[in-house]
Amino acid sequence: MRAMHLAWISFMVAFMAWFSIPPVMDHIAENLNIPSAEMYDSNMAAVAVTIVARIVIGPMCERFGPRRVMATILIVGAIPCGLTGLLANSAGLIVLRCVIGILGGAFVPCQFWTSQMFAPSVVGTANAISAGWGNMGAGIAYLLIPACFGGIAKHAGDSIAWRVVFVIPAGICILVAFIDYFCSTDTPHGDWLKLRRQEAQEKDVVSVMEATNSECADTTLAPDSEKKFPPSTSSAQGTNDDDESISDVKRTESGMDALLGVFRVLIKPNVLIMVVFYICSLGTELAIDNVVGQVFRTNFGLDPATSAYIGSVFGLLNLFSRLGGGLFSDFWAHRFHLPGRIMAHFIIMLIEGIALIGFSFGLDTNLGGAIALMVFFSLFVQAAAGTTFGLVPFVDPVNNGKVMGIVGAGGNLGGLIFNLMFSKFQPDFPGAFLCLGCITTGVAILGCALLRVQGKTLWHLFGNRHH
């Protein structure tokens, strides 16, 4: 349990630092004379780098273990975050947010960590807890950063406050990185690198003994020459639970094999479908995290502080919404196995699309109604991310790290696409949400109809329910 809690705490502080700039973006833009178009460019830059980072981080988790990778990400990302106060122009802002975007890659070791720690029957819930509570970091940023900014500004003024405030999330990231490294472990069986060395040694022993047996078989016709040496107990084995399986990842894979493995995984149809699902769940969430404050400022004329606090509600709902998606996935899996997980995802994502369409019309109503509709659609946006990762560990279990990295990168690709969409629609936010809802609804219907995981599809529910 310690590893799971450190996984979500690490992801949460990474997200908090990653989204620490948007809550005070107006003050930065005013102080540095940055136009709104370049503010959107910086939003896209923050998301774009994370696409590559997540793809690279997946194989790194398989090779070095989630604990070391997580600690490294937090330290590397904390440095540019703490240096935000040195900004002088819009070009610097874009470059800085590119580098800070590395923190978005913390999602991959977070999910990889919990997938290693929990059984298949509860992995959906475990992944949803760690990712959902971690995603609260965006909401916490909208609460913490303006509050700290306000406190500093009372004594030093706005122009100094925004330059100093980013030291706080940077320091928290470094502290958590040290706790990860020194106070936790990678798997229930111990340190990842020790297990990797042990596995390599056992494979060497097996190879020598098999060679010896082969030589004996060439020189004798004794009956036991027909015997085969049993495989190593530490080799990749699957754990089965109600016909779902999660195999051990390949810890001893070479760098070139890992690179080729990424491309082999990337072209699998079921992986591509999961990527599209995550584009429409986490991608939607990331884009809205960047614009939610501006949506309420533009449509209802609110001041920056009030709109930031309303925007924080969207991120803080991850406390239970993504967890709800994981629980919903595990509930359906308990009764209907993998087809049940697909059905759970279909239900949640379909409601997400409909709710986004509803919010597009709700922006033309009063403030209270718009906030209520935002709460409703955010529950399903975040729950859809939970049901997505209720499925991901079963898609290609032996390459679990690669799949998580690729699907996680899909979420950031979605954030990039939808950030661009919001910038093109601005200030017509109702039109942007209508378009987003229609896309999500279509993906839910078509994607779930085509998805096949370990030979199981949604349609098995309507045939033999036990398959």
Protein backbone atom coordinates (compact mmCIF):
# COMPACT_ATOMS: atom_id res chain seq x y z
CA MET A 1 0.00 0.00 0.00
CA ARG A 2 2.92 2.34 0.64
CA ALA A 3 3.95 2.07 -3.01
CA MET A 4 0.44 2.84 -4.22
CA HIS A 5 0.18 5.93 -2.03
CA LEU A 6 3.58 7.16 -3.14
CA ALA A 7 2.57 6.52 -6.77
CA TRP A 8 -0.45 8.82 -6.59
CA ILE A 9 1.27 11.42 -4.40
CA SER A 10 4.18 11.56 -6.85
CA PHE A 11 1.85 11.90 -9.81
CA MET A 12 -0.19 14.53 -7.98
CA VAL A 13 2.77 16.79 -7.21
CA ALA A 14 4.05 16.31 -10.78
CA PHE A 15 0.67 17.42 -12.15
CA MET A 16 0.56 20.30 -9.68
CA ALA A 17 3.92 21.59 -10.93
CA TRP A 18 2.98 20.90 -14.56
CA PHE A 19 -0.18 23.01 -14.22
CA SER A 20 1.29 25.64 -11.91
CA ILE A 21 1.53 28.29 -14.66
CA PRO A 22 -2.10 28.52 -15.97
CA PRO A 23 -3.59 29.80 -12.65
CA VAL A 24 -1.35 32.90 -12.79
CA MET A 25 -0.99 33.10 -16.57
CA ASP A 26 -2.90 36.40 -16.70
CA HIS A 27 -0.39 38.04 -14.36
CA ILE A 28 2.56 36.66 -16.35
CA ALA A 29 1.02 37.79 -19.65
CA GLU A 30 0.33 41.26 -18.30
CA ASN A 31 3.81 41.66 -16.86
CA LEU A 32 5.62 40.37 -19.97
CA ASN A 33 3.14 41.69 -22.57
CA ILE A 34 2.35 38.23 -23.95
CA PRO A 35 -0.60 38.11 -26.42
CA SER A 36 -3.35 35.50 -26.01
CA ALA A 37 -2.25 33.58 -29.14
CA GLU A 38 1.17 32.92 -27.61
CA MET A 39 -0.45 31.93 -24.32
CA TYR A 40 -2.26 29.18 -26.24
CA ASP A 41 1.02 28.23 -27.92
CA SER A 42 2.56 27.74 -24.49
CA ASN A 43 -0.39 25.55 -23.45
CA MET A 44 0.21 23.33 -26.47
CA ALA A 45 3.95 23.26 -25.82
CA ALA A 46 3.35 22.02 -22.27
CA VAL A 47 1.36 19.09 -23.63
CA ALA A 48 3.34 18.32 -26.81
CA VAL A 49 6.62 17.32 -25.14
CA THR A 50 4.80 14.94 -22.83
CA ILE A 51 3.68 12.87 -25.83
CA VAL A 52 7.29 11.92 -26.58
CA ALA A 53 8.17 11.67 -22.88
CA ARG A 54 5.47 9.12 -22.15
CA ILE A 55 6.44 6.89 -25.09
CA VAL A 56 10.08 6.90 -23.93
CA ILE A 57 9.24 6.48 -20.24
CA GLY A 58 7.22 3.27 -20.81
CA PRO A 59 10.23 1.14 -21.84
CA MET A 60 12.32 2.86 -19.16
CA CYS A 61 9.88 1.59 -16.52
CA GLU A 62 10.31 -1.94 -17.85
CA ARG A 63 14.10 -1.60 -17.71
CA PHE A 64 14.75 0.37 -14.51
CA GLY A 65 11.53 -0.01 -12.53
CA PRO A 66 8.86 2.59 -11.72
CA ARG A 67 10.40 3.95 -8.51
CA ARG A 68 13.66 5.19 -10.03
CA VAL A 69 11.91 6.53 -13.13
CA MET A 70 9.38 8.45 -11.04
CA ALA A 71 12.04 10.03 -8.83
CA THR A 72 14.06 11.07 -11.89
CA ILE A 73 11.05 12.68 -13.59
CA LEU A 74 10.21 14.71 -10.48
CA ILE A 75 13.74 16.06 -10.08
CA VAL A 76 14.25 16.82 -13.79
CA GLY A 77 10.87 18.58 -14.02
CA ALA A 78 11.26 20.50 -10.76
CA ILE A 79 14.34 22.38 -11.98
CA PRO A 80 12.66 24.34 -14.83
CA CYS A 81 9.54 24.81 -12.71
CA GLY A 82 11.58 26.54 -10.01
CA LEU A 83 13.27 28.71 -12.64
CA THR A 84 10.00 30.06 -14.08
CA GLY A 85 10.60 33.37 -12.32
CA LEU A 86 13.50 34.10 -14.68
CA LEU A 87 11.17 34.43 -17.69
CA ALA A 88 11.59 37.56 -19.81
CA ASN A 89 9.45 37.01 -22.93
CA SER A 90 6.92 34.76 -24.67
CA ALA A 91 9.59 32.64 -26.39
CA GLY A 92 11.06 31.81 -23.01
CA LEU A 93 7.62 30.86 -21.72
CA ILE A 94 7.05 28.42 -24.57
CA VAL A 95 10.48 26.79 -24.16
CA LEU A 96 10.09 26.58 -20.39
CA ARG A 97 6.68 24.94 -20.59
CA CYS A 98 8.11 22.43 -23.07
CA VAL A 99 10.70 21.34 -20.51
CA ILE A 100 8.23 21.38 -17.61
CA GLY A 101 6.04 19.10 -19.75
CA ILE A 102 8.36 16.23 -18.80
CA LEU A 103 6.43 16.14 -15.51
CA GLY A 104 3.36 14.95 -17.42
CA GLY A 105 5.24 11.71 -18.06
CA ALA A 106 4.90 10.84 -14.35
CA PHE A 107 1.58 9.24 -15.24
CA VAL A 108 3.34 6.23 -16.81
CA PRO A 109 5.40 5.09 -13.78
CA CYS A 110 2.37 5.83 -11.60
CA GLN A 111 0.19 3.36 -13.51
CA PHE A 112 3.02 0.89 -14.06
CA TRP A 113 3.77 0.90 -10.33
CA THR A 114 0.23 0.07 -9.27
CA SER A 115 -0.17 -2.53 -12.04
CA GLN A 116 2.84 -4.37 -10.60
CA MET A 117 1.43 -4.24 -7.08
CA PHE A 118 -2.15 -5.47 -7.52
CA ALA A 119 -4.00 -8.54 -8.82
CA PRO A 120 -6.01 -8.48 -12.09
CA SER A 121 -9.35 -8.49 -10.28
CA VAL A 122 -8.67 -5.12 -8.63
CA VAL A 123 -6.14 -3.54 -10.99
CA GLY A 124 -8.80 -1.27 -12.50
CA THR A 125 -9.62 0.20 -9.11
CA ALA A 126 -5.95 0.47 -8.09
CA ASN A 127 -5.01 2.24 -11.31
CA ALA A 128 -8.02 4.54 -11.03
CA ILE A 129 -7.16 5.52 -7.45
CA SER A 130 -3.53 6.31 -8.24
CA ALA A 131 -4.26 8.15 -11.49
CA GLY A 132 -7.41 9.88 -10.27
CA TRP A 133 -5.94 11.15 -7.03
CA GLY A 134 -2.80 12.07 -8.95
CA ASN A 135 -4.82 14.07 -11.47
CA MET A 136 -6.08 16.18 -8.57
CA GLY A 137 -2.74 17.93 -8.87
CA ALA A 138 -4.22 20.17 -11.56
CA GLY A 139 -7.05 21.20 -9.24
CA ILE A 140 -4.64 21.70 -6.35
CA ALA A 141 -2.54 23.96 -8.58
CA TYR A 142 -5.60 26.14 -9.18
CA LEU A 143 -6.09 26.39 -5.40
CA LEU A 144 -2.52 26.54 -4.11
CA ILE A 145 -0.77 28.75 -6.65
CA PRO A 146 -3.26 31.69 -6.57
CA ALA A 147 -3.37 31.53 -2.77
CA CYS A 148 0.43 31.58 -2.47
CA PHE A 149 0.63 34.24 -5.15
CA GLY A 150 -1.83 36.42 -3.25
CA GLY A 151 0.10 36.03 0.00
CA ILE A 152 3.42 36.96 -1.60
CA ALA A 153 1.87 39.82 -3.62
CA LYS A 154 0.67 41.52 -0.42
CA HIS A 155 4.29 42.02 0.62
CA ALA A 156 6.21 42.16 -2.67
CA GLY A 157 3.73 43.10 -5.41
CA ASP A 158 2.36 41.14 -8.36
CA SER A 159 5.47 41.46 -10.54
CA ILE A 160 7.62 39.76 -7.89
CA ALA A 161 5.01 37.32 -6.59
CA TRP A 162 4.58 35.36 -9.81
CA ARG A 163 8.37 35.01 -10.12
CA VAL A 164 8.73 33.59 -6.62
CA VAL A 165 5.66 31.38 -6.29
CA PHE A 166 6.94 28.57 -8.55
CA VAL A 167 9.67 27.68 -6.08
CA ILE A 168 6.95 26.09 -3.93
CA PRO A 169 5.79 23.32 -6.33
CA ALA A 170 9.41 22.73 -7.40
CA GLY A 171 10.49 22.15 -3.81
CA ILE A 172 7.59 19.77 -3.17
CA CYS A 173 8.54 17.72 -6.26
CA ILE A 174 12.14 17.32 -5.08
CA LEU A 175 11.03 16.29 -1.58
CA VAL A 176 8.67 13.61 -2.91
CA ALA A 177 11.34 12.32 -5.32
CA PHE A 178 13.68 11.58 -2.40
CA ILE A 179 10.87 9.87 -0.48
CA ASP A 180 10.12 7.69 -3.53
CA TYR A 181 13.72 6.60 -3.89
CA PHE A 182 14.57 5.91 -0.27
CA CYS A 183 11.25 4.84 1.29
CA SER A 184 9.55 2.52 -1.19
CA THR A 185 10.01 -0.50 -3.44
CA ASP A 186 9.13 -1.35 -7.04
CA THR A 187 7.19 -4.59 -6.62
CA PRO A 188 5.85 -6.85 -3.85
CA HIS A 189 8.99 -8.98 -4.43
CA GLY A 190 11.50 -6.18 -3.95
CA ASP A 191 13.79 -3.89 -5.91
CA TRP A 192 13.35 -3.95 -9.70
CA LEU A 193 17.04 -4.02 -10.62
CA LYS A 194 17.77 -6.82 -8.14
CA LEU A 195 14.94 -8.86 -9.63
CA ARG A 196 16.25 -8.11 -13.10
CA ARG A 197 19.76 -9.33 -12.19
CA GLN A 198 18.31 -12.42 -10.53
CA GLU A 199 16.22 -13.20 -13.58
CA ALA A 200 19.23 -12.80 -15.89
CA GLN A 201 21.33 -15.10 -13.69
CA GLU A 202 18.62 -17.76 -13.62
CA LYS A 203 18.30 -17.60 -17.39
CA ASP A 204 22.06 -18.13 -17.69
CA VAL A 205 21.84 -21.17 -15.41
CA VAL A 206 18.96 -22.56 -17.45
CA SER A 207 20.91 -22.07 -20.69
CA VAL A 208 23.96 -23.90 -19.30
CA MET A 209 21.89 -26.81 -17.98
CA GLU A 210 19.93 -27.11 -21.21
CA ALA A 211 23.21 -27.19 -23.14
CA THR A 212 24.52 -29.90 -20.80
CA ASN A 213 21.35 -31.94 -21.25
CA SER A 214 21.67 -31.58 -25.01
CA GLU A 215 25.25 -32.90 -24.92
CA CYS A 216 24.15 -35.84 -22.80
CA ALA A 217 21.38 -36.61 -25.27
CA ASP A 218 23.94 -36.79 -28.08
CA THR A 219 26.07 -39.39 -26.25
CA THR A 220 23.47 -41.65 -24.65
CA LEU A 221 20.14 -43.25 -25.44
CA ALA A 222 19.09 -43.44 -21.83
CA PRO A 223 15.34 -42.91 -21.24
CA ASP A 224 15.88 -39.71 -19.31
CA SER A 225 17.46 -38.17 -22.41
CA GLU A 226 13.94 -37.42 -23.48
CA LYS A 227 13.32 -35.24 -20.44
CA LYS A 228 13.09 -31.50 -20.84
CA PHE A 229 14.42 -29.03 -18.34
CA PRO A 230 11.62 -27.03 -16.68
CA PRO A 231 11.48 -23.34 -17.39
CA SER A 232 12.80 -20.83 -14.89
CA THR A 233 10.30 -19.92 -12.22
CA SER A 234 11.22 -16.28 -12.57
CA SER A 235 10.51 -16.04 -16.27
CA ALA A 236 7.51 -14.13 -17.50
CA GLN A 237 4.47 -15.86 -16.15
CA GLY A 238 0.89 -14.78 -16.18
CA THR A 239 -1.42 -14.47 -13.25
CA ASN A 240 -4.97 -15.45 -14.07
CA ASP A 241 -8.14 -14.25 -12.45
CA ASP A 242 -11.55 -14.98 -13.94
CA ASP A 243 -10.04 -15.61 -17.40
CA GLU A 244 -8.23 -12.27 -17.39
CA SER A 245 -4.44 -12.41 -17.38
CA ILE A 246 -1.57 -10.07 -16.64
CA SER A 247 1.90 -11.43 -17.46
CA ASP A 248 5.19 -10.26 -16.00
CA VAL A 249 6.92 -7.68 -18.15
CA LYS A 250 10.26 -8.42 -19.81
CA ARG A 251 12.84 -6.92 -17.45
CA THR A 252 15.95 -8.07 -19.35
CA GLU A 253 15.00 -6.73 -22.78
CA SER A 254 17.83 -4.94 -24.61
CA GLY A 255 17.54 -1.31 -25.65
CA MET A 256 17.16 -2.15 -29.35
CA ASP A 257 14.57 -4.85 -28.62
CA ALA A 258 12.65 -2.34 -26.50
CA LEU A 259 12.71 0.22 -29.32
CA LEU A 260 11.49 -2.32 -31.86
CA GLY A 261 8.92 -3.48 -29.32
CA VAL A 262 7.46 0.03 -29.11
CA PHE A 263 6.82 0.05 -32.86
CA ARG A 264 5.37 -3.48 -32.80
CA VAL A 265 3.00 -2.51 -30.00
CA LEU A 266 2.10 0.80 -31.65
CA ILE A 267 0.70 -0.84 -34.81
CA LYS A 268 -1.60 -3.24 -32.97
CA PRO A 269 -5.26 -2.29 -33.66
CA ASN A 270 -6.39 -2.78 -30.05
CA VAL A 271 -3.60 -0.49 -28.81
CA LEU A 272 -4.57 2.19 -31.34
CA ILE A 273 -8.20 2.01 -30.22
CA MET A 274 -7.10 2.46 -26.59
CA VAL A 275 -5.05 5.48 -27.68
CA VAL A 276 -8.15 7.06 -29.24
CA PHE A 277 -10.14 6.33 -26.08
CA TYR A 278 -7.52 8.13 -24.00
CA ILE A 279 -7.40 11.02 -26.44
CA CYS A 280 -11.10 11.56 -25.69
CA SER A 281 -10.78 11.14 -21.91
CA LEU A 282 -7.47 12.42 -20.54
CA GLY A 283 -6.94 14.54 -23.66
CA THR A 284 -10.24 16.26 -22.99
CA GLU A 285 -9.31 16.73 -19.33
CA LEU A 286 -5.91 18.25 -20.12
CA ALA A 287 -7.35 20.70 -22.63
CA ILE A 288 -10.10 21.78 -20.24
CA ASP A 289 -7.58 22.14 -17.38
CA ASN A 290 -5.85 24.78 -19.48
CA VAL A 291 -8.97 26.74 -20.51
CA VAL A 292 -11.61 26.19 -17.84
CA GLY A 293 -10.77 29.43 -16.02
CA GLN A 294 -10.85 31.38 -19.27
CA VAL A 295 -14.19 29.80 -20.23
CA PHE A 296 -15.85 31.22 -17.13
CA ARG A 297 -14.05 34.58 -17.42
CA THR A 298 -15.15 34.98 -21.04
CA ASN A 299 -18.75 33.81 -20.68
CA PHE A 300 -19.61 35.28 -17.29
CA GLY A 301 -17.15 38.19 -16.84
CA LEU A 302 -15.56 36.81 -13.66
CA ASP A 303 -12.27 38.06 -12.20
CA PRO A 304 -9.19 35.78 -12.54
CA ALA A 305 -9.21 34.60 -8.92
CA THR A 306 -12.89 33.58 -8.94
CA SER A 307 -12.62 31.80 -12.28
CA ALA A 308 -9.49 29.97 -11.06
CA TYR A 309 -11.30 28.70 -7.97
CA ILE A 310 -14.24 27.51 -10.09
CA GLY A 311 -11.75 25.84 -12.44
CA SER A 312 -10.14 24.03 -9.50
CA VAL A 313 -13.40 22.13 -8.97
CA PHE A 314 -12.88 20.40 -12.32
CA GLY A 315 -9.51 18.97 -11.27
CA LEU A 316 -10.43 18.21 -7.66
CA LEU A 317 -13.32 15.97 -8.74
CA ASN A 318 -10.62 13.40 -9.57
CA LEU A 319 -10.74 12.60 -5.85
CA PHE A 320 -13.52 10.15 -6.62
CA SER A 321 -14.56 10.39 -10.29
CA ARG A 322 -11.69 8.44 -11.86
CA LEU A 323 -11.87 6.01 -8.95
CA GLY A 324 -15.55 5.57 -9.78
CA GLY A 325 -14.56 4.60 -13.31
CA GLY A 326 -12.12 1.99 -12.04
CA LEU A 327 -14.65 0.55 -9.60
CA PHE A 328 -17.27 0.45 -12.35
CA SER A 329 -14.84 -1.42 -14.62
CA ASP A 330 -13.97 -3.96 -11.91
CA PHE A 331 -17.67 -4.42 -11.05
CA TRP A 332 -18.55 -5.32 -14.64
CA ALA A 333 -15.43 -7.49 -14.92
CA HIS A 334 -16.45 -9.45 -11.83
CA ARG A 335 -19.67 -10.51 -13.57
CA PHE A 336 -18.74 -10.52 -17.25
CA HIS A 337 -14.91 -10.56 -17.33
CA LEU A 338 -13.19 -8.62 -20.15
CA PRO A 339 -16.37 -8.00 -22.20
CA GLY A 340 -17.76 -6.42 -19.03
CA ARG A 341 -14.83 -4.01 -18.85
CA ILE A 342 -15.49 -2.98 -22.45
CA MET A 343 -19.19 -2.43 -21.70
CA ALA A 344 -18.33 -0.37 -18.61
CA HIS A 345 -16.11 1.84 -20.73
CA PHE A 346 -18.78 2.20 -23.41
CA ILE A 347 -21.41 3.34 -20.91
CA ILE A 348 -19.15 5.92 -19.24
CA MET A 349 -17.74 7.34 -22.46
CA LEU A 350 -21.14 7.61 -24.12
CA ILE A 351 -22.46 9.61 -21.15
CA GLU A 352 -19.29 11.75 -21.27
CA GLY A 353 -19.99 12.72 -24.87
CA ILE A 354 -23.63 13.53 -24.18
CA ALA A 355 -22.68 15.57 -21.08
CA LEU A 356 -20.15 17.63 -23.04
CA ILE A 357 -22.83 18.43 -25.61
CA GLY A 358 -25.14 19.46 -22.76
CA PHE A 359 -22.48 21.77 -21.31
CA SER A 360 -22.10 23.51 -24.67
CA PHE A 361 -25.72 24.65 -24.35
CA GLY A 362 -25.40 25.27 -20.60
CA LEU A 363 -22.84 28.02 -21.16
CA ASP A 364 -25.69 30.16 -22.44
CA THR A 365 -27.53 29.84 -19.11
CA ASN A 366 -26.72 31.30 -15.67
CA LEU A 367 -23.45 30.78 -13.79
CA GLY A 368 -24.88 28.27 -11.30
CA GLY A 369 -26.29 26.09 -14.07
CA ALA A 370 -22.99 26.17 -15.97
CA ILE A 371 -21.04 25.12 -12.86
CA ALA A 372 -23.47 22.25 -12.22
CA LEU A 373 -23.12 21.03 -15.80
CA MET A 374 -19.33 21.32 -15.55
CA VAL A 375 -19.37 19.12 -12.45
CA PHE A 376 -21.57 16.57 -14.24
CA PHE A 377 -19.50 16.26 -17.40
CA SER A 378 -16.20 16.28 -15.49
CA LEU A 379 -17.32 13.23 -13.49
CA PHE A 380 -17.63 11.23 -16.71
CA VAL A 381 -14.57 12.70 -18.46
CA GLN A 382 -12.44 11.52 -15.55
CA ALA A 383 -14.33 8.25 -15.04
CA ALA A 384 -13.71 7.41 -18.71
CA ALA A 385 -9.98 7.70 -18.07
CA GLY A 386 -10.48 5.23 -15.20
CA THR A 387 -12.34 2.69 -17.33
CA THR A 388 -9.70 3.07 -20.06
CA PHE A 389 -6.96 2.02 -17.66
CA GLY A 390 -9.20 -0.73 -16.34
CA LEU A 391 -8.62 -2.26 -19.79
CA VAL A 392 -5.04 -1.23 -20.59
CA PRO A 393 -3.18 -3.81 -18.40
CA PHE A 394 -4.91 -6.63 -20.33
CA VAL A 395 -4.25 -5.36 -23.86
CA ASP A 396 -0.66 -6.69 -24.18
CA PRO A 397 0.47 -7.77 -20.70
CA VAL A 398 4.06 -8.74 -21.58
CA ASN A 399 4.61 -5.24 -23.01
CA ASN A 400 2.64 -3.48 -20.29
CA GLY A 401 5.07 -0.58 -19.86
CA LYS A 402 5.14 0.14 -23.58
CA VAL A 403 1.34 0.00 -23.86
CA MET A 404 0.92 2.34 -20.88
CA GLY A 405 3.45 4.76 -22.34
CA ILE A 406 1.81 4.77 -25.77
CA VAL A 407 -1.75 5.07 -24.45
CA GLY A 408 -0.63 7.71 -21.96
CA ALA A 409 0.98 9.63 -24.81
CA GLY A 410 -2.38 9.44 -26.58
CA GLY A 411 -3.89 11.41 -23.72
CA ASN A 412 -1.35 14.17 -24.25
CA LEU A 413 -1.88 14.05 -28.01
CA GLY A 414 -5.57 14.59 -27.29
CA GLY A 415 -4.70 17.51 -25.03
CA LEU A 416 -2.65 19.03 -27.85
CA ILE A 417 -5.39 18.52 -30.44
CA PHE A 418 -8.15 19.88 -28.23
CA ASN A 419 -6.03 22.83 -27.03
CA LEU A 420 -5.59 23.73 -30.69
CA MET A 421 -9.32 23.30 -31.23
CA PHE A 422 -10.15 25.63 -28.32
CA SER A 423 -7.73 28.23 -29.66
CA LYS A 424 -9.41 28.13 -33.08
CA PHE A 425 -12.92 28.34 -31.62
CA GLN A 426 -12.08 31.12 -29.14
CA PRO A 427 -14.16 32.94 -27.97
CA ASP A 428 -16.90 30.53 -29.15
CA PHE A 429 -16.42 28.06 -26.27
CA PRO A 430 -19.96 26.59 -26.61
CA GLY A 431 -19.09 25.58 -30.18
CA ALA A 432 -15.83 23.97 -29.02
CA PHE A 433 -17.60 21.89 -26.36
CA LEU A 434 -20.29 20.84 -28.84
CA CYS A 435 -17.63 19.61 -31.26
CA LEU A 436 -15.78 17.84 -28.44
CA GLY A 437 -18.96 16.08 -27.29
CA CYS A 438 -19.82 14.85 -30.79
CA ILE A 439 -16.30 13.45 -31.29
CA THR A 440 -16.40 11.63 -27.94
CA THR A 441 -19.83 10.11 -28.60
CA GLY A 442 -18.70 8.80 -31.99
CA VAL A 443 -15.50 7.32 -30.55
CA ALA A 444 -17.43 5.58 -27.76
CA ILE A 445 -19.78 3.85 -30.19
CA LEU A 446 -17.31 2.92 -32.93
CA GLY A 447 -14.30 2.15 -30.71
CA CYS A 448 -16.10 -0.16 -28.30
CA ALA A 449 -17.78 -1.97 -31.20
CA LEU A 450 -14.37 -2.78 -32.72
CA LEU A 451 -12.19 -3.36 -29.63
CA ARG A 452 -10.87 -6.89 -29.02
CA VAL A 453 -8.89 -7.66 -25.85
CA GLN A 454 -7.40 -11.15 -25.35
CA GLY A 455 -9.87 -12.44 -27.95
CA LYS A 456 -12.90 -10.94 -26.18
CA THR A 457 -15.20 -8.24 -27.57
CA LEU A 458 -18.25 -6.31 -26.45
CA TRP A 459 -20.39 -8.65 -28.53
CA HIS A 460 -19.58 -11.62 -26.28
CA LEU A 461 -22.03 -10.10 -23.78
CA PHE A 462 -24.84 -10.70 -26.25
CA GLY A 463 -23.73 -14.23 -27.12
CA ASN A 464 -22.36 -16.51 -24.44
CA ARG A 465 -22.08 -14.22 -21.40
CA HIS A 466 -19.36 -16.40 -19.86
CA HIS A 467 -16.87 -15.70 -22.66
